[in-house]
């Protein structure tokens, strides 16, 4: 009997020591510690958007959570978007947390976070090298300082080679310059749609083009970086970053 009680005590201590939440994607698949999520696309409006939900598994208490941007390879986080705790953030820096430390995001007993939380890479990189972003989910006491259990760490990977490159996966157009003052100039060789996103993920301009030389008035936009997303009738997408001066 003593051995049994000792065993139960140890199990109980481990349960308390471990984090008390589960992270799942929109299809219900659980995110595991050390997992690598690989995407062959990037940008807004694509399958690069990893939507997630966090569930409180503690049967009696509120849990307090925070997400950390741990590290990056071949990327800076400048064109990565993280939405959590009712806020969306871009232009991330390594060490950034949501919410800002020591703040924490509470999840009530038996509750699951609502829609709107996601990880999204909008950086095309150089078209060859793999981009990796490492994030960690943390659980704390209410003070936001005392950590509970081991963080759930995973890697978000953009691999431009994962799906292979062929003509059907490309949008047939070129941009004369990615540094723009008043007009964006495009050489369009097939019907395409264009959306312009700011770094908060908001659509600030959109248009539809047939073929030929096209110009887009950009003088009404403030001076900053924008993401252009083009799509053709075959379903291919192309995302490019530009600077409006």
C-alpha atoms as a PDB file:
ATOM      1  CA  UNK A   1       0.000   0.000   0.000  1.00  0.00           C
ATOM      2  CA  UNK A   2       2.830   2.397   0.866  1.00  0.00           C
ATOM      3  CA  UNK A   3       4.487   1.688  -2.466  1.00  0.00           C
ATOM      4  CA  UNK A   4       1.205   2.379  -4.265  1.00  0.00           C
ATOM      5  CA  UNK A   5       0.720   5.659  -2.430  1.00  0.00           C
ATOM      6  CA  UNK A   6       4.300   6.666  -3.208  1.00  0.00           C
ATOM      7  CA  UNK A   7       3.733   5.908  -6.878  1.00  0.00           C
ATOM      8  CA  UNK A   8       0.564   7.996  -6.951  1.00  0.00           C
ATOM      9  CA  UNK A   9       2.384  10.847  -5.218  1.00  0.00           C
ATOM     10  CA  UNK A  10       5.144  10.774  -7.829  1.00  0.00           C
ATOM     11  CA  UNK A  11       2.632  10.674 -10.681  1.00  0.00           C
ATOM     12  CA  UNK A  12       0.764  13.590  -9.164  1.00  0.00           C
ATOM     13  CA  UNK A  13       3.973  15.585  -8.842  1.00  0.00           C
ATOM     14  CA  UNK A  14       4.840  14.934 -12.477  1.00  0.00           C
ATOM     15  CA  UNK A  15       1.375  16.016 -13.562  1.00  0.00           C
ATOM     16  CA  UNK A  16       1.774  19.283 -11.680  1.00  0.00           C
ATOM     17  CA  UNK A  17       5.273  19.795 -13.118  1.00  0.00           C
ATOM     18  CA  UNK A  18       4.179  19.284 -16.715  1.00  0.00           C
ATOM     19  CA  UNK A  19       2.474  21.983 -18.728  1.00  0.00           C
ATOM     20  CA  UNK A  20      -1.283  21.601 -18.673  1.00  0.00           C
ATOM     21  CA  UNK A  21      -2.423  22.497 -22.155  1.00  0.00           C
ATOM     22  CA  UNK A  22      -2.769  21.046 -25.646  1.00  0.00           C
ATOM     23  CA  UNK A  23      -2.124  22.837 -28.943  1.00  0.00           C
ATOM     24  CA  UNK A  24      -4.038  21.651 -32.014  1.00  0.00           C
ATOM     25  CA  UNK A  25      -4.440  22.860 -35.587  1.00  0.00           C
ATOM     26  CA  UNK A  26      -7.718  23.621 -37.334  1.00  0.00           C
ATOM     27  CA  UNK A  27      -8.123  19.917 -38.223  1.00  0.00           C
ATOM     28  CA  UNK A  28      -7.620  18.762 -34.638  1.00  0.00           C
ATOM     29  CA  UNK A  29      -4.055  17.495 -35.107  1.00  0.00           C
ATOM     30  CA  UNK A  30      -2.003  17.887 -31.938  1.00  0.00           C
ATOM     31  CA  UNK A  31       1.255  19.841 -32.040  1.00  0.00           C
ATOM     32  CA  UNK A  32       4.031  17.900 -30.322  1.00  0.00           C
ATOM     33  CA  UNK A  33       7.222  19.111 -28.701  1.00  0.00           C
ATOM     34  CA  UNK A  34      10.099  19.199 -31.196  1.00  0.00           C
ATOM     35  CA  UNK A  35       7.794  18.912 -34.215  1.00  0.00           C
ATOM     36  CA  UNK A  36       8.718  20.545 -37.544  1.00  0.00           C
ATOM     37  CA  UNK A  37       5.860  22.011 -39.600  1.00  0.00           C
ATOM     38  CA  UNK A  38       6.999  22.343 -43.205  1.00  0.00           C
ATOM     39  CA  UNK A  39       5.344  24.544 -45.824  1.00  0.00           C
ATOM     40  CA  UNK A  40       6.090  24.831 -49.531  1.00  0.00           C
ATOM     41  CA  UNK A  41       4.272  28.143 -49.912  1.00  0.00           C
ATOM     42  CA  UNK A  42       4.437  31.523 -48.219  1.00  0.00           C
ATOM     43  CA  UNK A  43       2.370  34.677 -47.947  1.00  0.00           C
ATOM     44  CA  UNK A  44      -1.106  35.816 -46.998  1.00  0.00           C
ATOM     45  CA  UNK A  45      -4.037  33.895 -48.419  1.00  0.00           C
ATOM     46  CA  UNK A  46      -2.055  30.654 -48.809  1.00  0.00           C
ATOM     47  CA  UNK A  47      -1.695  27.338 -47.005  1.00  0.00           C
ATOM     48  CA  UNK A  48       1.277  28.855 -45.168  1.00  0.00           C
ATOM     49  CA  UNK A  49      -1.192  30.031 -42.522  1.00  0.00           C
ATOM     50  CA  UNK A  50      -0.902  27.671 -39.525  1.00  0.00           C
ATOM     51  CA  UNK A  51      -4.052  28.185 -37.457  1.00  0.00           C
ATOM     52  CA  UNK A  52      -3.899  26.856 -33.903  1.00  0.00           C
ATOM     53  CA  UNK A  53      -5.997  26.489 -30.769  1.00  0.00           C
ATOM     54  CA  UNK A  54      -4.786  26.106 -27.175  1.00  0.00           C
ATOM     55  CA  UNK A  55      -6.885  24.070 -24.719  1.00  0.00           C
ATOM     56  CA  UNK A  56      -6.624  24.212 -20.943  1.00  0.00           C
ATOM     57  CA  UNK A  57      -6.223  20.598 -19.761  1.00  0.00           C
ATOM     58  CA  UNK A  58      -6.093  21.511 -16.074  1.00  0.00           C
ATOM     59  CA  UNK A  59      -9.359  20.212 -14.558  1.00  0.00           C
ATOM     60  CA  UNK A  60      -9.518  22.763 -11.726  1.00  0.00           C
ATOM     61  CA  UNK A  61      -7.471  25.903 -12.462  1.00  0.00           C
ATOM     62  CA  UNK A  62      -6.957  28.687 -14.963  1.00  0.00           C
ATOM     63  CA  UNK A  63      -3.667  28.408 -16.862  1.00  0.00           C
ATOM     64  CA  UNK A  64      -1.463  31.315 -17.940  1.00  0.00           C
ATOM     65  CA  UNK A  65       0.348  31.168 -21.266  1.00  0.00           C
ATOM     66  CA  UNK A  66       2.854  33.011 -23.419  1.00  0.00           C
ATOM     67  CA  UNK A  67       4.498  32.324 -26.809  1.00  0.00           C
ATOM     68  CA  UNK A  68       8.185  33.062 -27.448  1.00  0.00           C
ATOM     69  CA  UNK A  69      10.032  33.577 -30.746  1.00  0.00           C
ATOM     70  CA  UNK A  70      13.145  31.546 -29.942  1.00  0.00           C
ATOM     71  CA  UNK A  71      15.344  31.635 -33.049  1.00  0.00           C
ATOM     72  CA  UNK A  72      15.462  31.838 -36.851  1.00  0.00           C
ATOM     73  CA  UNK A  73      17.608  30.491 -39.684  1.00  0.00           C
ATOM     74  CA  UNK A  74      17.984  32.404 -42.991  1.00  0.00           C
ATOM     75  CA  UNK A  75      15.276  34.776 -41.779  1.00  0.00           C
ATOM     76  CA  UNK A  76      14.850  37.697 -39.402  1.00  0.00           C
ATOM     77  CA  UNK A  77      11.156  37.546 -38.544  1.00  0.00           C
ATOM     78  CA  UNK A  78      10.552  40.815 -40.366  1.00  0.00           C
ATOM     79  CA  UNK A  79       7.907  39.245 -42.585  1.00  0.00           C
ATOM     80  CA  UNK A  80       6.479  36.768 -40.113  1.00  0.00           C
ATOM     81  CA  UNK A  81       3.081  37.249 -38.474  1.00  0.00           C
ATOM     82  CA  UNK A  82       2.070  35.802 -35.106  1.00  0.00           C
ATOM     83  CA  UNK A  83      -1.454  36.261 -33.781  1.00  0.00           C
ATOM     84  CA  UNK A  84      -2.214  35.277 -30.191  1.00  0.00           C
ATOM     85  CA  UNK A  85      -3.825  36.749 -27.083  1.00  0.00           C
ATOM     86  CA  UNK A  86      -6.215  38.846 -29.176  1.00  0.00           C
ATOM     87  CA  UNK A  87      -3.348  40.645 -30.957  1.00  0.00           C
ATOM     88  CA  UNK A  88      -1.415  40.238 -34.227  1.00  0.00           C
ATOM     89  CA  UNK A  89       2.260  41.107 -34.521  1.00  0.00           C
ATOM     90  CA  UNK A  90       4.690  41.363 -37.438  1.00  0.00           C
ATOM     91  CA  UNK A  91       8.322  42.381 -37.747  1.00  0.00           C
ATOM     92  CA  UNK A  92       9.229  39.938 -34.987  1.00  0.00           C
ATOM     93  CA  UNK A  93      12.618  39.896 -33.284  1.00  0.00           C
ATOM     94  CA  UNK A  94      14.191  36.854 -31.644  1.00  0.00           C
ATOM     95  CA  UNK A  95      13.219  36.866 -27.974  1.00  0.00           C
ATOM     96  CA  UNK A  96       9.878  38.562 -28.665  1.00  0.00           C
ATOM     97  CA  UNK A  97       6.959  37.191 -26.649  1.00  0.00           C
ATOM     98  CA  UNK A  98       3.167  37.356 -26.927  1.00  0.00           C
ATOM     99  CA  UNK A  99       1.970  38.799 -24.622  1.00  0.00           C
ATOM    100  CA  UNK A 100       4.954  40.953 -23.600  1.00  0.00           C
ATOM    101  CA  UNK A 101       6.645  39.478 -20.534  1.00  0.00           C
ATOM    102  CA  UNK A 102       5.733  39.308 -17.722  1.00  0.00           C
ATOM    103  CA  UNK A 103       2.159  39.509 -18.996  1.00  0.00           C
ATOM    104  CA  UNK A 104       0.382  36.205 -19.633  1.00  0.00           C
ATOM    105  CA  UNK A 105      -2.739  35.108 -21.497  1.00  0.00           C
ATOM    106  CA  UNK A 106      -5.214  33.251 -19.248  1.00  0.00           C
ATOM    107  CA  UNK A 107      -7.269  30.287 -20.442  1.00  0.00           C
ATOM    108  CA  UNK A 108     -10.154  29.239 -18.197  1.00  0.00           C
ATOM    109  CA  UNK A 109     -10.826  25.676 -17.011  1.00  0.00           C
ATOM    110  CA  UNK A 110     -11.998  23.515 -19.907  1.00  0.00           C
ATOM    111  CA  UNK A 111     -11.731  26.411 -22.369  1.00  0.00           C
ATOM    112  CA  UNK A 112     -10.094  26.543 -25.804  1.00  0.00           C
ATOM    113  CA  UNK A 113      -8.831  29.743 -27.401  1.00  0.00           C
ATOM    114  CA  UNK A 114     -11.017  31.131 -30.178  1.00  0.00           C
ATOM    115  CA  UNK A 115     -10.345  31.743 -33.850  1.00  0.00           C
ATOM    116  CA  UNK A 116      -7.727  34.151 -35.126  1.00  0.00           C
ATOM    117  CA  UNK A 117      -4.541  32.658 -33.692  1.00  0.00           C
ATOM    118  CA  UNK A 118      -1.964  31.707 -36.295  1.00  0.00           C
ATOM    119  CA  UNK A 119       1.652  31.593 -37.447  1.00  0.00           C
ATOM    120  CA  UNK A 120       2.311  32.884 -40.986  1.00  0.00           C
ATOM    121  CA  UNK A 121       5.489  33.385 -43.009  1.00  0.00           C
ATOM    122  CA  UNK A 122       5.306  36.021 -45.767  1.00  0.00           C
ATOM    123  CA  UNK A 123       9.047  36.071 -46.491  1.00  0.00           C
ATOM    124  CA  UNK A 124       9.939  34.497 -49.875  1.00  0.00           C
ATOM    125  CA  UNK A 125      13.628  34.345 -48.942  1.00  0.00           C
ATOM    126  CA  UNK A 126      15.957  33.895 -51.887  1.00  0.00           C
ATOM    127  CA  UNK A 127      13.839  31.166 -53.471  1.00  0.00           C
ATOM    128  CA  UNK A 128      16.349  28.412 -52.660  1.00  0.00           C
ATOM    129  CA  UNK A 129      17.364  28.360 -49.000  1.00  0.00           C
ATOM    130  CA  UNK A 130      15.095  26.968 -46.290  1.00  0.00           C
ATOM    131  CA  UNK A 131      13.740  29.463 -43.751  1.00  0.00           C
ATOM    132  CA  UNK A 132      13.155  28.241 -40.206  1.00  0.00           C
ATOM    133  CA  UNK A 133      11.448  29.886 -37.252  1.00  0.00           C
ATOM    134  CA  UNK A 134      11.483  28.280 -33.801  1.00  0.00           C
ATOM    135  CA  UNK A 135       8.691  29.128 -31.351  1.00  0.00           C
ATOM    136  CA  UNK A 136       7.878  27.943 -27.842  1.00  0.00           C
ATOM    137  CA  UNK A 137       4.607  27.815 -25.901  1.00  0.00           C
ATOM    138  CA  UNK A 138       5.150  28.515 -22.194  1.00  0.00           C
ATOM    139  CA  UNK A 139       2.917  28.110 -19.160  1.00  0.00           C
ATOM    140  CA  UNK A 140       3.430  30.213 -16.023  1.00  0.00           C
ATOM    141  CA  UNK A 141       1.946  30.901 -12.670  1.00  0.00           C
ATOM    142  CA  UNK A 142      -0.276  33.992 -12.578  1.00  0.00           C
ATOM    143  CA  UNK A 143       2.789  36.144 -11.860  1.00  0.00           C
ATOM    144  CA  UNK A 144       4.102  35.483 -15.381  1.00  0.00           C
ATOM    145  CA  UNK A 145       7.550  34.699 -13.942  1.00  0.00           C
ATOM    146  CA  UNK A 146       7.373  31.209 -12.419  1.00  0.00           C
ATOM    147  CA  UNK A 147       7.282  28.731 -15.298  1.00  0.00           C
ATOM    148  CA  UNK A 148       5.346  25.474 -15.103  1.00  0.00           C
ATOM    149  CA  UNK A 149       6.700  22.414 -16.893  1.00  0.00           C
ATOM    150  CA  UNK A 150       8.744  22.253 -20.071  1.00  0.00           C
ATOM    151  CA  UNK A 151       7.944  24.593 -22.994  1.00  0.00           C
ATOM    152  CA  UNK A 152       6.352  23.117 -26.097  1.00  0.00           C
ATOM    153  CA  UNK A 153       8.873  24.033 -28.797  1.00  0.00           C
ATOM    154  CA  UNK A 154       8.323  23.601 -32.528  1.00  0.00           C
ATOM    155  CA  UNK A 155       9.797  24.738 -35.842  1.00  0.00           C
ATOM    156  CA  UNK A 156       7.876  26.509 -38.584  1.00  0.00           C
ATOM    157  CA  UNK A 157       9.804  25.793 -41.809  1.00  0.00           C
ATOM    158  CA  UNK A 158       9.390  27.339 -45.252  1.00  0.00           C
ATOM    159  CA  UNK A 159      11.012  25.086 -47.831  1.00  0.00           C
ATOM    160  CA  UNK A 160      10.784  26.557 -51.368  1.00  0.00           C
ATOM    161  CA  UNK A 161      11.875  23.193 -52.796  1.00  0.00           C
ATOM    162  CA  UNK A 162       9.351  20.957 -51.034  1.00  0.00           C
ATOM    163  CA  UNK A 163       6.786  20.949 -53.842  1.00  0.00           C
ATOM    164  CA  UNK A 164       9.266  21.220 -56.693  1.00  0.00           C
ATOM    165  CA  UNK A 165       9.266  24.012 -59.245  1.00  0.00           C
ATOM    166  CA  UNK A 166       7.475  23.775 -62.566  1.00  0.00           C
ATOM    167  CA  UNK A 167       5.825  26.181 -64.942  1.00  0.00           C
ATOM    168  CA  UNK A 168       2.334  25.429 -63.650  1.00  0.00           C
ATOM    169  CA  UNK A 169       3.320  26.609 -60.174  1.00  0.00           C
ATOM    170  CA  UNK A 170       4.473  30.028 -61.340  1.00  0.00           C
ATOM    171  CA  UNK A 171       2.705  33.284 -62.035  1.00  0.00           C
ATOM    172  CA  UNK A 172       3.957  34.638 -65.356  1.00  0.00           C
ATOM    173  CA  UNK A 173       4.837  38.242 -64.628  1.00  0.00           C
ATOM    174  CA  UNK A 174       7.805  40.407 -63.722  1.00  0.00           C
ATOM    175  CA  UNK A 175       8.130  43.516 -61.587  1.00  0.00           C
ATOM    176  CA  UNK A 176      10.343  46.208 -63.057  1.00  0.00           C
ATOM    177  CA  UNK A 177      11.478  47.433 -59.623  1.00  0.00           C
ATOM    178  CA  UNK A 178      10.694  46.499 -56.033  1.00  0.00           C
ATOM    179  CA  UNK A 179      11.555  50.031 -54.904  1.00  0.00           C
ATOM    180  CA  UNK A 180       8.592  52.228 -55.794  1.00  0.00           C
ATOM    181  CA  UNK A 181       7.979  55.965 -55.618  1.00  0.00           C
ATOM    182  CA  UNK A 182       4.685  56.701 -57.357  1.00  0.00           C
ATOM    183  CA  UNK A 183       3.962  53.802 -59.721  1.00  0.00           C
ATOM    184  CA  UNK A 184       4.460  50.060 -59.625  1.00  0.00           C
ATOM    185  CA  UNK A 185       5.270  48.783 -63.120  1.00  0.00           C
ATOM    186  CA  UNK A 186       4.461  45.179 -64.090  1.00  0.00           C
ATOM    187  CA  UNK A 187       5.046  43.081 -67.194  1.00  0.00           C
ATOM    188  CA  UNK A 188       2.058  40.720 -67.122  1.00  0.00           C
ATOM    189  CA  UNK A 189       1.966  37.701 -69.456  1.00  0.00           C
ATOM    190  CA  UNK A 190      -1.302  36.128 -68.303  1.00  0.00           C
ATOM    191  CA  UNK A 191      -4.476  37.259 -66.468  1.00  0.00           C
ATOM    192  CA  UNK A 192      -3.641  37.771 -62.784  1.00  0.00           C
ATOM    193  CA  UNK A 193      -5.143  39.201 -59.620  1.00  0.00           C
ATOM    194  CA  UNK A 194      -3.084  41.292 -57.219  1.00  0.00           C
ATOM    195  CA  UNK A 195      -3.473  42.115 -53.538  1.00  0.00           C
ATOM    196  CA  UNK A 196      -1.235  44.506 -51.607  1.00  0.00           C
ATOM    197  CA  UNK A 197      -0.839  43.848 -47.869  1.00  0.00           C
ATOM    198  CA  UNK A 198       0.732  46.046 -45.231  1.00  0.00           C
ATOM    199  CA  UNK A 199       2.840  44.469 -42.483  1.00  0.00           C
ATOM    200  CA  UNK A 200      -0.240  44.107 -40.280  1.00  0.00           C
ATOM    201  CA  UNK A 201      -1.773  41.784 -42.884  1.00  0.00           C
ATOM    202  CA  UNK A 202      -4.400  44.283 -44.059  1.00  0.00           C
ATOM    203  CA  UNK A 203      -5.305  44.497 -47.743  1.00  0.00           C
ATOM    204  CA  UNK A 204      -4.586  48.112 -48.751  1.00  0.00           C
ATOM    205  CA  UNK A 205      -4.962  47.759 -52.528  1.00  0.00           C
ATOM    206  CA  UNK A 206      -6.132  45.160 -55.040  1.00  0.00           C
ATOM    207  CA  UNK A 207      -6.486  44.937 -58.804  1.00  0.00           C
ATOM    208  CA  UNK A 208      -7.033  42.595 -61.728  1.00  0.00           C
ATOM    209  CA  UNK A 209      -4.835  42.621 -64.858  1.00  0.00           C
ATOM    210  CA  UNK A 210      -4.941  41.058 -68.285  1.00  0.00           C
ATOM    211  CA  UNK A 211      -1.700  40.944 -70.279  1.00  0.00           C
ATOM    212  CA  UNK A 212       0.813  43.621 -71.201  1.00  0.00           C
ATOM    213  CA  UNK A 213       2.604  46.450 -69.436  1.00  0.00           C
ATOM    214  CA  UNK A 214       0.639  47.541 -66.346  1.00  0.00           C
ATOM    215  CA  UNK A 215       1.094  50.457 -63.947  1.00  0.00           C
ATOM    216  CA  UNK A 216      -0.376  50.751 -60.451  1.00  0.00           C
ATOM    217  CA  UNK A 217      -0.635  54.054 -58.604  1.00  0.00           C
ATOM    218  CA  UNK A 218       1.128  53.667 -55.232  1.00  0.00           C
ATOM    219  CA  UNK A 219       1.360  57.352 -54.318  1.00  0.00           C
ATOM    220  CA  UNK A 220      -1.574  57.042 -51.909  1.00  0.00           C
ATOM    221  CA  UNK A 221       0.326  54.546 -49.718  1.00  0.00           C
ATOM    222  CA  UNK A 222       2.595  55.574 -46.867  1.00  0.00           C
ATOM    223  CA  UNK A 223       6.332  54.960 -47.116  1.00  0.00           C
ATOM    224  CA  UNK A 224       7.024  51.459 -45.814  1.00  0.00           C
ATOM    225  CA  UNK A 225       7.368  47.822 -46.861  1.00  0.00           C
ATOM    226  CA  UNK A 226       4.405  46.028 -48.449  1.00  0.00           C
ATOM    227  CA  UNK A 227       3.717  42.466 -49.546  1.00  0.00           C
ATOM    228  CA  UNK A 228       2.375  41.890 -53.068  1.00  0.00           C
ATOM    229  CA  UNK A 229       0.496  38.676 -53.740  1.00  0.00           C
ATOM    230  CA  UNK A 230      -0.353  37.656 -57.309  1.00  0.00           C
ATOM    231  CA  UNK A 231      -2.534  34.709 -58.323  1.00  0.00           C
ATOM    232  CA  UNK A 232      -3.396  33.300 -61.744  1.00  0.00           C
ATOM    233  CA  UNK A 233      -6.296  31.257 -63.093  1.00  0.00           C
ATOM    234  CA  UNK A 234      -4.427  27.975 -62.456  1.00  0.00           C
ATOM    235  CA  UNK A 235      -4.330  28.689 -58.736  1.00  0.00           C
ATOM    236  CA  UNK A 236      -0.608  29.476 -58.541  1.00  0.00           C
ATOM    237  CA  UNK A 237       0.497  32.324 -56.297  1.00  0.00           C
ATOM    238  CA  UNK A 238       3.549  34.548 -56.145  1.00  0.00           C
ATOM    239  CA  UNK A 239       4.442  36.807 -53.243  1.00  0.00           C
ATOM    240  CA  UNK A 240       6.952  39.648 -53.400  1.00  0.00           C
ATOM    241  CA  UNK A 241       7.958  42.371 -50.989  1.00  0.00           C
ATOM    242  CA  UNK A 242       8.344  45.962 -52.182  1.00  0.00           C
ATOM    243  CA  UNK A 243       9.412  49.228 -50.615  1.00  0.00           C
ATOM    244  CA  UNK A 244       7.295  52.315 -51.186  1.00  0.00           C
ATOM    245  CA  UNK A 245       9.406  55.429 -50.744  1.00  0.00           C
END
